[in-house]
C-alpha atoms as a PDB file:
ATOM      1  CA  MET A   1      84.117  22.705   0.122  1.00  0.00           C
ATOM      2  CA  THR A   2      84.705  19.044   0.696  1.00  0.00           C
ATOM      3  CA  GLU A   3      83.127  17.157   3.268  1.00  0.00           C
ATOM      4  CA  GLN A   4      85.255  15.525   5.964  1.00  0.00           C
ATOM      5  CA  SER A   5      84.408  12.326   7.620  1.00  0.00           C
ATOM      6  CA  PRO A   6      85.158  11.558  11.372  1.00  0.00           C
ATOM      7  CA  PRO A   7      88.329   9.580  12.014  1.00  0.00           C
ATOM      8  CA  ALA A   8      87.928   5.850  11.900  1.00  0.00           C
ATOM      9  CA  GLY A   9      86.460   4.349  15.007  1.00  0.00           C
ATOM     10  CA  MET A  10      85.020   7.486  16.392  1.00  0.00           C
ATOM     11  CA  GLY A  11      81.417   6.660  15.445  1.00  0.00           C
ATOM     12  CA  MET A  12      80.074  10.391  16.257  1.00  0.00           C
ATOM     13  CA  GLU A  13      78.750  12.336  13.688  1.00  0.00           C
ATOM     14  CA  GLN A  14      79.700  15.975  13.515  1.00  0.00           C
ATOM     15  CA  PRO A  15      77.665  18.724  12.002  1.00  0.00           C
ATOM     16  CA  ARG A  16      78.582  19.436   8.480  1.00  0.00           C
ATOM     17  CA  PHE A  17      78.581  23.161   9.137  1.00  0.00           C
ATOM     18  CA  PRO A  18      79.449  23.935  12.673  1.00  0.00           C
ATOM     19  CA  HIS A  19      78.321  27.530  13.991  1.00  0.00           C
ATOM     20  CA  ASP A  20      80.560  30.504  13.847  1.00  0.00           C
ATOM     21  CA  SER A  21      79.384  33.519  15.993  1.00  0.00           C
ATOM     22  CA  THR A  22      82.532  35.388  15.371  1.00  0.00           C
ATOM     23  CA  ALA A  23      81.924  35.385  11.607  1.00  0.00           C
ATOM     24  CA  LEU A  24      78.419  36.404  12.007  1.00  0.00           C
ATOM     25  CA  THR A  25      79.389  39.323  13.989  1.00  0.00           C
ATOM     26  CA  ALA A  26      82.253  40.192  11.561  1.00  0.00           C
ATOM     27  CA  TRP A  27      79.718  40.131   8.629  1.00  0.00           C
ATOM     28  CA  LEU A  28      77.271  42.257  10.520  1.00  0.00           C
ATOM     29  CA  THR A  29      79.548  44.931  11.556  1.00  0.00           C
ATOM     30  CA  ALA A  30      81.079  44.960   8.019  1.00  0.00           C
ATOM     31  CA  LEU A  31      77.353  45.735   6.838  1.00  0.00           C
ATOM     32  CA  VAL A  32      77.305  48.767   9.157  1.00  0.00           C
ATOM     33  CA  ARG A  33      80.797  49.746   8.105  1.00  0.00           C
ATOM     34  CA  ASN A  34      80.117  49.723   4.424  1.00  0.00           C
ATOM     35  CA  ARG A  35      76.782  51.348   4.857  1.00  0.00           C
ATOM     36  CA  GLU A  36      74.677  48.508   3.511  1.00  0.00           C
ATOM     37  CA  TYR A  37      71.557  49.981   4.735  1.00  0.00           C
ATOM     38  CA  GLY A  38      69.345  47.906   2.378  1.00  0.00           C
ATOM     39  CA  THR A  39      70.676  44.716   3.921  1.00  0.00           C
ATOM     40  CA  LEU A  40      70.321  45.941   7.312  1.00  0.00           C
ATOM     41  CA  ALA A  41      66.863  46.957   6.637  1.00  0.00           C
ATOM     42  CA  GLU A  42      66.077  43.324   5.403  1.00  0.00           C
ATOM     43  CA  LEU A  43      67.244  42.112   8.621  1.00  0.00           C
ATOM     44  CA  ARG A  44      65.056  44.302  10.685  1.00  0.00           C
ATOM     45  CA  ARG A  45      61.970  42.591   8.808  1.00  0.00           C
ATOM     46  CA  ALA A  46      61.376  39.975  11.616  1.00  0.00           C
ATOM     47  CA  ARG A  47      58.536  38.238  10.057  1.00  0.00           C
ATOM     48  CA  VAL A  48      59.835  38.036   6.476  1.00  0.00           C
ATOM     49  CA  ARG A  49      62.614  35.729   5.477  1.00  0.00           C
ATOM     50  CA  THR A  50      64.887  37.549   3.144  1.00  0.00           C
ATOM     51  CA  ASN A  51      68.065  36.712   1.523  1.00  0.00           C
ATOM     52  CA  ALA A  52      69.958  38.674   4.242  1.00  0.00           C
ATOM     53  CA  HIS A  53      68.391  36.243   6.914  1.00  0.00           C
ATOM     54  CA  ILE A  54      69.329  33.280   5.156  1.00  0.00           C
ATOM     55  CA  ARG A  55      72.826  34.456   4.841  1.00  0.00           C
ATOM     56  CA  ALA A  56      72.810  35.158   8.532  1.00  0.00           C
ATOM     57  CA  GLY A  57      71.366  31.682   9.155  1.00  0.00           C
ATOM     58  CA  TRP A  58      74.344  30.045   7.343  1.00  0.00           C
ATOM     59  CA  TYR A  59      76.682  31.107  10.111  1.00  0.00           C
ATOM     60  CA  GLY A  60      74.578  29.099  12.535  1.00  0.00           C
ATOM     61  CA  GLY A  61      75.419  25.910  10.805  1.00  0.00           C
ATOM     62  CA  ASP A  62      73.231  22.963  10.782  1.00  0.00           C
ATOM     63  CA  ASP A  63      71.904  23.298  14.266  1.00  0.00           C
ATOM     64  CA  HIS A  64      71.448  26.980  14.901  1.00  0.00           C
ATOM     65  CA  ARG A  65      70.467  28.483  11.849  1.00  0.00           C
ATOM     66  CA  ASP A  66      66.980  30.231  13.201  1.00  0.00           C
ATOM     67  CA  LEU A  67      69.013  31.582  16.337  1.00  0.00           C
ATOM     68  CA  PHE A  68      71.634  33.278  14.069  1.00  0.00           C
ATOM     69  CA  GLU A  69      68.847  34.766  11.917  1.00  0.00           C
ATOM     70  CA  GLN A  70      67.264  36.262  15.168  1.00  0.00           C
ATOM     71  CA  MET A  71      70.738  37.376  16.409  1.00  0.00           C
ATOM     72  CA  ALA A  72      70.979  39.288  13.100  1.00  0.00           C
ATOM     73  CA  PHE A  73      67.734  40.931  13.515  1.00  0.00           C
ATOM     74  CA  LEU A  74      68.551  42.050  16.990  1.00  0.00           C
ATOM     75  CA  PHE A  75      71.962  43.426  15.729  1.00  0.00           C
ATOM     76  CA  ALA A  76      70.113  45.387  13.002  1.00  0.00           C
ATOM     77  CA  ILE A  77      67.656  46.732  15.383  1.00  0.00           C
ATOM     78  CA  TYR A  78      70.244  48.111  17.471  1.00  0.00           C
ATOM     79  CA  HIS A  79      72.348  49.390  14.690  1.00  0.00           C
ATOM     80  CA  GLN A  80      69.469  51.336  12.927  1.00  0.00           C
ATOM     81  CA  GLY A  81      70.740  54.646  11.896  1.00  0.00           C
ATOM     82  CA  ARG A  82      74.185  54.115  13.463  1.00  0.00           C
ATOM     83  CA  PRO A  83      77.107  54.993  11.370  1.00  0.00           C
ATOM     84  CA  THR A  84      79.795  52.764  13.213  1.00  0.00           C
ATOM     85  CA  PRO A  85      79.254  49.296  14.392  1.00  0.00           C
ATOM     86  CA  LEU A  86      79.513  48.438  18.059  1.00  0.00           C
ATOM     87  CA  TYR A  87      80.597  44.952  19.093  1.00  0.00           C
ATOM     88  CA  GLY A  88      79.396  45.355  22.447  1.00  0.00           C
ATOM     89  CA  HIS A  89      80.804  44.042  25.653  1.00  0.00           C
ATOM     90  CA  GLY A  90      79.856  41.814  28.442  1.00  0.00           C
ATOM     91  CA  SER A  91      76.592  39.775  29.030  1.00  0.00           C
ATOM     92  CA  LEU A  92      73.057  40.702  28.565  1.00  0.00           C
ATOM     93  CA  GLY A  93      72.880  40.988  32.268  1.00  0.00           C
ATOM     94  CA  ALA A  94      75.907  43.448  32.485  1.00  0.00           C
ATOM     95  CA  ALA A  95      74.362  45.453  29.587  1.00  0.00           C
ATOM     96  CA  ALA A  96      70.996  45.549  31.316  1.00  0.00           C
ATOM     97  CA  ARG A  97      72.778  47.329  34.273  1.00  0.00           C
ATOM     98  CA  ARG A  98      73.278  50.269  31.831  1.00  0.00           C
ATOM     99  CA  ILE A  99      69.492  50.730  30.970  1.00  0.00           C
ATOM    100  CA  GLY A 100      67.950  53.495  32.715  1.00  0.00           C
ATOM    101  CA  ASP A 101      67.771  57.361  33.087  1.00  0.00           C
ATOM    102  CA  GLY A 102      68.582  59.885  35.706  1.00  0.00           C
ATOM    103  CA  THR A 103      66.481  58.223  38.178  1.00  0.00           C
ATOM    104  CA  GLY A 104      68.554  55.151  38.136  1.00  0.00           C
ATOM    105  CA  ARG A 105      70.232  52.289  36.088  1.00  0.00           C
ATOM    106  CA  GLY A 106      70.247  48.631  36.346  1.00  0.00           C
ATOM    107  CA  PRO A 107      68.943  47.326  39.651  1.00  0.00           C
ATOM    108  CA  ASP A 108      68.047  50.943  40.686  1.00  0.00           C
ATOM    109  CA  ASN A 109      65.585  51.241  37.579  1.00  0.00           C
ATOM    110  CA  PRO A 110      62.241  49.402  37.961  1.00  0.00           C
ATOM    111  CA  GLY A 111      61.860  49.266  34.155  1.00  0.00           C
ATOM    112  CA  ALA A 112      65.178  47.651  33.850  1.00  0.00           C
ATOM    113  CA  GLN A 113      64.455  45.421  36.643  1.00  0.00           C
ATOM    114  CA  ARG A 114      61.208  44.063  35.178  1.00  0.00           C
ATOM    115  CA  LEU A 115      62.863  43.620  31.853  1.00  0.00           C
ATOM    116  CA  LEU A 116      65.660  41.491  33.181  1.00  0.00           C
ATOM    117  CA  ASP A 117      63.025  39.511  35.381  1.00  0.00           C
ATOM    118  CA  ARG A 118      61.014  38.794  32.151  1.00  0.00           C
ATOM    119  CA  VAL A 119      64.166  37.683  30.218  1.00  0.00           C
ATOM    120  CA  VAL A 120      65.502  35.245  33.008  1.00  0.00           C
ATOM    121  CA  ALA A 121      62.163  33.891  33.778  1.00  0.00           C
ATOM    122  CA  SER A 122      61.652  32.331  30.371  1.00  0.00           C
ATOM    123  CA  ARG A 123      62.207  28.654  29.571  1.00  0.00           C
ATOM    124  CA  ARG A 124      62.515  29.321  25.891  1.00  0.00           C
ATOM    125  CA  ILE A 125      64.717  31.955  24.396  1.00  0.00           C
ATOM    126  CA  PRO A 126      62.591  35.266  25.174  1.00  0.00           C
ATOM    127  CA  TRP A 127      63.155  36.835  21.762  1.00  0.00           C
ATOM    128  CA  ARG A 128      60.565  39.617  22.253  1.00  0.00           C
ATOM    129  CA  HIS A 129      62.133  40.651  25.592  1.00  0.00           C
ATOM    130  CA  LEU A 130      65.584  40.452  24.148  1.00  0.00           C
ATOM    131  CA  GLN A 131      64.383  42.843  21.365  1.00  0.00           C
ATOM    132  CA  HIS A 132      63.004  45.096  24.022  1.00  0.00           C
ATOM    133  CA  ALA A 133      66.389  44.851  25.829  1.00  0.00           C
ATOM    134  CA  VAL A 134      68.312  45.827  22.831  1.00  0.00           C
ATOM    135  CA  THR A 135      65.914  48.609  21.945  1.00  0.00           C
ATOM    136  CA  ARG A 136      66.038  50.094  25.383  1.00  0.00           C
ATOM    137  CA  LEU A 137      69.907  50.220  25.268  1.00  0.00           C
ATOM    138  CA  ARG A 138      69.918  51.940  21.941  1.00  0.00           C
ATOM    139  CA  SER A 139      67.384  54.484  23.257  1.00  0.00           C
ATOM    140  CA  CYS A 140      69.600  54.953  26.234  1.00  0.00           C
ATOM    141  CA  GLU A 141      72.613  55.305  24.049  1.00  0.00           C
ATOM    142  CA  GLN A 142      74.310  52.440  25.797  1.00  0.00           C
ATOM    143  CA  PRO A 143      76.563  49.789  24.189  1.00  0.00           C
ATOM    144  CA  PRO A 144      74.945  46.493  23.532  1.00  0.00           C
ATOM    145  CA  PRO A 145      76.044  43.217  25.096  1.00  0.00           C
ATOM    146  CA  SER A 146      78.859  41.297  23.210  1.00  0.00           C
ATOM    147  CA  TRP A 147      77.217  40.224  20.155  1.00  0.00           C
ATOM    148  CA  ILE A 148      79.650  36.921  19.974  1.00  0.00           C
ATOM    149  CA  GLY A 149      78.887  36.334  23.795  1.00  0.00           C
ATOM    150  CA  LEU A 150      74.923  36.830  23.546  1.00  0.00           C
ATOM    151  CA  THR A 151      75.059  34.395  20.493  1.00  0.00           C
ATOM    152  CA  GLU A 152      77.010  31.843  22.521  1.00  0.00           C
ATOM    153  CA  ASP A 153      74.824  32.290  25.580  1.00  0.00           C
ATOM    154  CA  LEU A 154      71.585  31.753  23.725  1.00  0.00           C
ATOM    155  CA  ILE A 155      72.960  28.680  22.068  1.00  0.00           C
ATOM    156  CA  LYS A 156      73.388  27.283  25.672  1.00  0.00           C
ATOM    157  CA  TRP A 157      70.079  28.718  26.958  1.00  0.00           C
ATOM    158  CA  ASN A 158      68.630  25.539  27.735  1.00  0.00           C
ATOM    159  CA  ASP A 159      71.797  23.931  29.067  1.00  0.00           C
ATOM    160  CA  ARG A 160      71.331  23.422  32.812  1.00  0.00           C
ATOM    161  CA  GLN A 161      75.085  23.381  33.601  1.00  0.00           C
ATOM    162  CA  ALA A 162      75.511  26.677  31.745  1.00  0.00           C
ATOM    163  CA  ARG A 163      73.085  28.400  33.830  1.00  0.00           C
ATOM    164  CA  VAL A 164      72.980  31.300  31.427  1.00  0.00           C
ATOM    165  CA  ALA A 165      69.847  33.230  32.872  1.00  0.00           C
ATOM    166  CA  TYR A 166      71.212  32.811  36.317  1.00  0.00           C
ATOM    167  CA  GLN A 167      74.563  34.341  35.272  1.00  0.00           C
ATOM    168  CA  TRP A 168      72.689  37.136  33.702  1.00  0.00           C
ATOM    169  CA  SER A 169      70.826  37.740  36.908  1.00  0.00           C
ATOM    170  CA  VAL A 170      74.052  37.677  38.972  1.00  0.00           C
ATOM    171  CA  GLU A 171      75.877  40.186  36.529  1.00  0.00           C
ATOM    172  CA  PHE A 172      72.804  42.506  36.505  1.00  0.00           C
ATOM    173  CA  HIS A 173      72.901  42.708  40.403  1.00  0.00           C
ATOM    174  CA  THR A 174      76.571  42.659  40.777  1.00  0.00           C
ATOM    175  CA  PRO A 175      77.734  46.087  42.690  1.00  0.00           C
ATOM    176  CA  PRO A 176      79.687  48.173  40.298  1.00  0.00           C
ATOM    177  CA  GLY A 177      82.970  47.809  41.986  1.00  0.00           C
ATOM    178  CA  ALA A 178      82.844  43.909  41.896  1.00  0.00           C
ATOM    179  CA  ALA A 179      82.039  43.664  38.132  1.00  0.00           C
ATOM    180  CA  GLY A 180      84.119  41.156  36.324  1.00  0.00           C
ATOM    181  CA  LYS A 181      84.877  38.774  39.292  1.00  0.00           C
ATOM    182  CA  HIS A 182      81.947  36.176  38.477  1.00  0.00           C
ATOM    183  CA  ARG A 183      82.616  35.258  34.878  1.00  0.00           C
ATOM    184  CA  THR A 184      86.015  34.697  33.492  1.00  0.00           C
ATOM    185  CA  ASN A 185      85.034  33.997  29.854  1.00  0.00           C
ATOM    186  CA  ARG A 186      83.923  37.511  29.193  1.00  0.00           C
END
């Protein structure tokens, strides 16, 4: 791999290794598809940096290495014991609408409501609550959020113009017939 320098006169320094959430998701889904259970088990060890975590971090480039390692952890938690990979769909807010049981889902389920409230109230990326959300989706046998979309949303978590937490809240509370009208990038 060769380094490229910016065109003359630009004066802006680009990261040597930009992030690639699509490549991370492709690698993770290949682990499930190829039944690489040992690597997936390594990724589920949150407190231990393994070679699998380091590899996941490389997809995050210079700026998002830790975030990509954490995303690989969430992916591995969701896919524990699953024979086929799920790419997921929608945002975390839309996915949280699927959390629940016979008494109600999403906004009609007090547990799902409290969980989303904790996620969106956080100034920092709420990794513990995101793990809980992914675990709840898994236990409810519901599809996860889009792994690519979730990664990109978390990259923009502190961007006030992106308003990620607000968008997740809107999508969580959107009535079923109106889904998909609020965000065009999903």
